[in-house]
Amino acid sequence: MRRARPGALPRGTAERALTSVGAGADFDDAPKTESEQRPAPGREIRDNREVSRLWHITLSVSGAEAPLKEVRRGLEQLAHDHPFLLTSRYANDHAEIRYWEEARDLHDAAAVALRLWGEHRSTAKLPPWEIVGLEVIDRDTYHQRIAEGYGPPPAAPVGVHPY
């Protein structure tokens, strides 16, 4: 994930970086109905602003075979660069990365997750694989799945592990 000041240009591009910015107090001065004043389910409003939430991300990547040692080293570097990484599982032609992301809504969390592999590909020397799967679920849904026994398979201890 790229951490930079809002609006900073990514290296090698002429476009502005995507950032999440609150609309501000003067965005909509129209009176709100009672239902519009209440936060959406699972969301919290504090000081008239929506509070960010935690999202569980599962990112799956796949591509041409690469040496296992290089895949492992790249994922370990990614975990170092992205400290919120929970666990990674890998083989020589695919990998799965799980972590928690803090974001205002699902759209922001998914956008950050979809940029993760590409933005760290050169710095972590990751294989040139493509993203083939993405799951973004909120914290309550994650815990409900675990409690009901049909959530994601229990994560291996934090870190990078072979399948």
C-alpha atoms as a PDB file:
ATOM      1  CA  MET A   1       0.000   0.000   0.000  1.00  0.00           C
ATOM      2  CA  ARG A   2       1.351   3.398  -0.909  1.00  0.00           C
ATOM      3  CA  ARG A   3       1.612   5.855   1.941  1.00  0.00           C
ATOM      4  CA  ALA A   4       2.091   9.390   0.692  1.00  0.00           C
ATOM      5  CA  ARG A   5       0.547  12.777   1.101  1.00  0.00           C
ATOM      6  CA  PRO A   6      -2.879  13.127  -0.557  1.00  0.00           C
ATOM      7  CA  GLY A   7      -2.594  14.166  -4.184  1.00  0.00           C
ATOM      8  CA  ALA A   8       1.083  13.222  -4.476  1.00  0.00           C
ATOM      9  CA  LEU A   9       1.995  11.871  -7.888  1.00  0.00           C
ATOM     10  CA  PRO A  10       2.993   8.212  -8.055  1.00  0.00           C
ATOM     11  CA  ARG A  11       6.418   7.637  -9.540  1.00  0.00           C
ATOM     12  CA  GLY A  12       6.394   7.314 -13.289  1.00  0.00           C
ATOM     13  CA  THR A  13       2.896   8.675 -13.864  1.00  0.00           C
ATOM     14  CA  ALA A  14       1.391  11.990 -14.710  1.00  0.00           C
ATOM     15  CA  GLU A  15      -1.911  11.256 -12.998  1.00  0.00           C
ATOM     16  CA  ARG A  16      -2.891  12.133  -9.468  1.00  0.00           C
ATOM     17  CA  ALA A  17      -2.960   9.398  -6.826  1.00  0.00           C
ATOM     18  CA  LEU A  18      -6.297   8.097  -5.562  1.00  0.00           C
ATOM     19  CA  THR A  19      -7.089   9.251  -2.056  1.00  0.00           C
ATOM     20  CA  SER A  20     -10.137   9.120   0.175  1.00  0.00           C
ATOM     21  CA  VAL A  21     -11.283  12.558   1.178  1.00  0.00           C
ATOM     22  CA  GLY A  22     -14.321  13.435   3.235  1.00  0.00           C
ATOM     23  CA  ALA A  23     -16.848  15.652   1.477  1.00  0.00           C
ATOM     24  CA  GLY A  24     -16.738  18.318   4.176  1.00  0.00           C
ATOM     25  CA  ALA A  25     -19.424  20.034   6.199  1.00  0.00           C
ATOM     26  CA  ASP A  26     -20.672  22.235   3.371  1.00  0.00           C
ATOM     27  CA  PHE A  27     -21.087  19.448   0.811  1.00  0.00           C
ATOM     28  CA  ASP A  28     -24.855  19.196   1.139  1.00  0.00           C
ATOM     29  CA  ASP A  29     -26.759  21.889   3.014  1.00  0.00           C
ATOM     30  CA  ALA A  30     -30.172  20.369   2.301  1.00  0.00           C
ATOM     31  CA  PRO A  31     -32.081  19.318   5.423  1.00  0.00           C
ATOM     32  CA  LYS A  32     -31.751  15.604   6.142  1.00  0.00           C
ATOM     33  CA  THR A  33     -34.645  13.243   6.772  1.00  0.00           C
ATOM     34  CA  GLU A  34     -34.546  11.127   9.915  1.00  0.00           C
ATOM     35  CA  SER A  35     -33.375   8.051   7.983  1.00  0.00           C
ATOM     36  CA  GLU A  36     -30.574  10.055   6.310  1.00  0.00           C
ATOM     37  CA  GLN A  37     -29.327  11.263   9.700  1.00  0.00           C
ATOM     38  CA  ARG A  38     -28.761   7.713  10.976  1.00  0.00           C
ATOM     39  CA  PRO A  39     -25.599   5.888   9.932  1.00  0.00           C
ATOM     40  CA  ALA A  40     -25.893   2.901   7.632  1.00  0.00           C
ATOM     41  CA  PRO A  41     -25.854  -0.496   9.366  1.00  0.00           C
ATOM     42  CA  GLY A  42     -22.392  -1.255  10.707  1.00  0.00           C
ATOM     43  CA  ARG A  43     -21.214   2.330  10.331  1.00  0.00           C
ATOM     44  CA  GLU A  44     -20.516   4.836  13.019  1.00  0.00           C
ATOM     45  CA  ILE A  45     -20.703   8.618  12.755  1.00  0.00           C
ATOM     46  CA  ARG A  46     -18.519  10.676  15.064  1.00  0.00           C
ATOM     47  CA  ASP A  47     -18.333  14.475  14.952  1.00  0.00           C
ATOM     48  CA  ASN A  48     -20.519  14.436  11.809  1.00  0.00           C
ATOM     49  CA  ARG A  49     -17.952  12.261   9.987  1.00  0.00           C
ATOM     50  CA  GLU A  50     -18.056   8.611   9.115  1.00  0.00           C
ATOM     51  CA  VAL A  51     -15.483   6.644  11.080  1.00  0.00           C
ATOM     52  CA  SER A  52     -13.264   4.214   9.191  1.00  0.00           C
ATOM     53  CA  ARG A  53     -13.780   0.507   9.775  1.00  0.00           C
ATOM     54  CA  LEU A  54     -11.706  -2.644   9.566  1.00  0.00           C
ATOM     55  CA  TRP A  55     -12.044  -4.887   6.522  1.00  0.00           C
ATOM     56  CA  HIS A  56     -10.636  -8.392   6.152  1.00  0.00           C
ATOM     57  CA  ILE A  57      -8.918  -8.713   2.779  1.00  0.00           C
ATOM     58  CA  THR A  58      -8.055 -11.938   0.968  1.00  0.00           C
ATOM     59  CA  LEU A  59      -6.058 -11.279  -2.200  1.00  0.00           C
ATOM     60  CA  SER A  60      -5.276 -14.176  -4.577  1.00  0.00           C
ATOM     61  CA  VAL A  61      -2.603 -13.884  -7.274  1.00  0.00           C
ATOM     62  CA  SER A  62      -1.460 -16.327  -9.910  1.00  0.00           C
ATOM     63  CA  GLY A  63       0.851 -16.603 -12.895  1.00  0.00           C
ATOM     64  CA  ALA A  64       3.800 -18.371 -14.446  1.00  0.00           C
ATOM     65  CA  GLU A  65       5.874 -20.598 -12.192  1.00  0.00           C
ATOM     66  CA  ALA A  66       8.599 -18.914 -10.166  1.00  0.00           C
ATOM     67  CA  PRO A  67      11.236 -20.400  -7.841  1.00  0.00           C
ATOM     68  CA  LEU A  68       9.720 -21.014  -4.389  1.00  0.00           C
ATOM     69  CA  LYS A  69      12.629 -19.271  -2.637  1.00  0.00           C
ATOM     70  CA  GLU A  70      12.024 -16.092  -4.662  1.00  0.00           C
ATOM     71  CA  VAL A  71       8.276 -16.192  -4.020  1.00  0.00           C
ATOM     72  CA  ARG A  72       8.841 -16.629  -0.288  1.00  0.00           C
ATOM     73  CA  ARG A  73      11.458 -13.863  -0.142  1.00  0.00           C
ATOM     74  CA  GLY A  74       9.147 -11.499  -2.052  1.00  0.00           C
ATOM     75  CA  LEU A  75       6.206 -12.212   0.259  1.00  0.00           C
ATOM     76  CA  GLU A  76       8.399 -11.745   3.322  1.00  0.00           C
ATOM     77  CA  GLN A  77       9.508  -8.365   1.946  1.00  0.00           C
ATOM     78  CA  LEU A  78       5.867  -7.461   1.258  1.00  0.00           C
ATOM     79  CA  ALA A  79       5.024  -8.360   4.877  1.00  0.00           C
ATOM     80  CA  HIS A  80       7.871  -6.107   6.013  1.00  0.00           C
ATOM     81  CA  ASP A  81       6.706  -3.247   3.747  1.00  0.00           C
ATOM     82  CA  HIS A  82       3.027  -3.732   4.649  1.00  0.00           C
ATOM     83  CA  PRO A  83       3.010  -4.303   8.428  1.00  0.00           C
ATOM     84  CA  PHE A  84      -0.693  -5.173   8.589  1.00  0.00           C
ATOM     85  CA  LEU A  85      -0.169  -8.358   6.572  1.00  0.00           C
ATOM     86  CA  LEU A  86      -1.507 -11.284   8.599  1.00  0.00           C
ATOM     87  CA  THR A  87      -0.502 -14.313   6.641  1.00  0.00           C
ATOM     88  CA  SER A  88       0.536 -15.412   3.174  1.00  0.00           C
ATOM     89  CA  ARG A  89       0.347 -18.842   1.629  1.00  0.00           C
ATOM     90  CA  TYR A  90       2.224 -19.573  -1.552  1.00  0.00           C
ATOM     91  CA  ALA A  91       3.171 -22.128  -4.181  1.00  0.00           C
ATOM     92  CA  ASN A  92       5.368 -21.693  -7.221  1.00  0.00           C
ATOM     93  CA  ASP A  93       2.484 -20.393  -9.382  1.00  0.00           C
ATOM     94  CA  HIS A  94       0.016 -18.757  -6.972  1.00  0.00           C
ATOM     95  CA  ALA A  95      -0.312 -17.100  -3.581  1.00  0.00           C
ATOM     96  CA  GLU A  96      -2.947 -15.878  -1.153  1.00  0.00           C
ATOM     97  CA  ILE A  97      -2.466 -12.875   1.102  1.00  0.00           C
ATOM     98  CA  ARG A  98      -4.714 -12.079   4.072  1.00  0.00           C
ATOM     99  CA  TYR A  99      -4.675  -8.903   6.093  1.00  0.00           C
ATOM    100  CA  TRP A 100      -6.809  -6.243   7.751  1.00  0.00           C
ATOM    101  CA  GLU A 101      -7.293  -2.881   6.078  1.00  0.00           C
ATOM    102  CA  GLU A 102      -8.719   0.237   7.664  1.00  0.00           C
ATOM    103  CA  ALA A 103     -10.946   2.176   5.286  1.00  0.00           C
ATOM    104  CA  ARG A 104     -14.063   4.292   5.246  1.00  0.00           C
ATOM    105  CA  ASP A 105     -16.035   1.835   3.120  1.00  0.00           C
ATOM    106  CA  LEU A 106     -15.746  -1.318   1.038  1.00  0.00           C
ATOM    107  CA  HIS A 107     -14.904   0.632  -2.118  1.00  0.00           C
ATOM    108  CA  ASP A 108     -11.873   2.259  -0.494  1.00  0.00           C
ATOM    109  CA  ALA A 109     -10.689  -1.040   1.015  1.00  0.00           C
ATOM    110  CA  ALA A 110     -11.033  -2.850  -2.323  1.00  0.00           C
ATOM    111  CA  ALA A 111      -9.221  -0.075  -4.214  1.00  0.00           C
ATOM    112  CA  VAL A 112      -6.257  -0.245  -1.842  1.00  0.00           C
ATOM    113  CA  ALA A 113      -6.211  -4.060  -2.000  1.00  0.00           C
ATOM    114  CA  LEU A 114      -6.242  -4.068  -5.796  1.00  0.00           C
ATOM    115  CA  ARG A 115      -3.222  -1.752  -5.863  1.00  0.00           C
ATOM    116  CA  LEU A 116      -1.217  -3.701  -3.252  1.00  0.00           C
ATOM    117  CA  TRP A 117       0.422  -6.303  -5.511  1.00  0.00           C
ATOM    118  CA  GLY A 118       1.272  -3.929  -8.355  1.00  0.00           C
ATOM    119  CA  GLU A 119       2.629  -1.163  -6.162  1.00  0.00           C
ATOM    120  CA  HIS A 120       4.925  -3.545  -4.274  1.00  0.00           C
ATOM    121  CA  ARG A 121       5.895  -5.731  -7.233  1.00  0.00           C
ATOM    122  CA  SER A 122       9.203  -3.971  -7.946  1.00  0.00           C
ATOM    123  CA  THR A 123      10.214  -3.002  -4.392  1.00  0.00           C
ATOM    124  CA  ALA A 124       9.513  -6.471  -2.957  1.00  0.00           C
ATOM    125  CA  LYS A 125      10.630  -8.228  -6.171  1.00  0.00           C
ATOM    126  CA  LEU A 126       7.335 -10.105  -6.400  1.00  0.00           C
ATOM    127  CA  PRO A 127       6.604 -12.384  -9.368  1.00  0.00           C
ATOM    128  CA  PRO A 128       4.782 -10.725 -12.297  1.00  0.00           C
ATOM    129  CA  TRP A 129       1.537 -12.443 -11.384  1.00  0.00           C
ATOM    130  CA  GLU A 130      -1.939 -11.042 -11.823  1.00  0.00           C
ATOM    131  CA  ILE A 131      -4.689 -10.669  -9.255  1.00  0.00           C
ATOM    132  CA  VAL A 132      -7.191 -13.473  -9.796  1.00  0.00           C
ATOM    133  CA  GLY A 133      -9.353 -13.068  -6.705  1.00  0.00           C
ATOM    134  CA  LEU A 134     -10.342 -10.528  -4.095  1.00  0.00           C
ATOM    135  CA  GLU A 135     -12.602 -10.863  -1.077  1.00  0.00           C
ATOM    136  CA  VAL A 136     -13.353  -7.890   1.140  1.00  0.00           C
ATOM    137  CA  ILE A 137     -15.591  -8.430   4.163  1.00  0.00           C
ATOM    138  CA  ASP A 138     -16.275  -6.288   7.182  1.00  0.00           C
ATOM    139  CA  ARG A 139     -15.148  -7.254  10.653  1.00  0.00           C
ATOM    140  CA  ASP A 140     -18.590  -8.371  11.846  1.00  0.00           C
ATOM    141  CA  THR A 141     -19.067 -10.664   8.841  1.00  0.00           C
ATOM    142  CA  TYR A 142     -15.592 -12.149   9.335  1.00  0.00           C
ATOM    143  CA  HIS A 143     -16.296 -12.949  12.991  1.00  0.00           C
ATOM    144  CA  GLN A 144     -19.774 -14.281  12.191  1.00  0.00           C
ATOM    145  CA  ARG A 145     -18.300 -16.679   9.607  1.00  0.00           C
ATOM    146  CA  ILE A 146     -15.672 -17.885  12.071  1.00  0.00           C
ATOM    147  CA  ALA A 147     -18.296 -18.393  14.802  1.00  0.00           C
ATOM    148  CA  GLU A 148     -20.521 -20.387  12.438  1.00  0.00           C
ATOM    149  CA  GLY A 149     -17.595 -22.514  11.308  1.00  0.00           C
ATOM    150  CA  TYR A 150     -17.694 -21.664   7.620  1.00  0.00           C
ATOM    151  CA  GLY A 151     -15.239 -18.790   7.419  1.00  0.00           C
ATOM    152  CA  PRO A 152     -11.877 -18.868   5.727  1.00  0.00           C
ATOM    153  CA  PRO A 153      -9.653 -21.737   6.793  1.00  0.00           C
ATOM    154  CA  PRO A 154      -7.891 -20.878  10.024  1.00  0.00           C
ATOM    155  CA  ALA A 155      -4.866 -18.777   9.242  1.00  0.00           C
ATOM    156  CA  ALA A 156      -1.497 -20.317   9.839  1.00  0.00           C
ATOM    157  CA  PRO A 157       0.503 -18.455  12.405  1.00  0.00           C
ATOM    158  CA  VAL A 158       1.241 -14.938  11.244  1.00  0.00           C
ATOM    159  CA  GLY A 159       3.821 -14.956   8.503  1.00  0.00           C
ATOM    160  CA  VAL A 160       4.615 -16.478   5.122  1.00  0.00           C
ATOM    161  CA  HIS A 161       3.921 -20.202   4.687  1.00  0.00           C
ATOM    162  CA  PRO A 162       3.847 -22.692   1.800  1.00  0.00           C
ATOM    163  CA  TYR A 163       0.509 -24.296   0.867  1.00  0.00           C
END
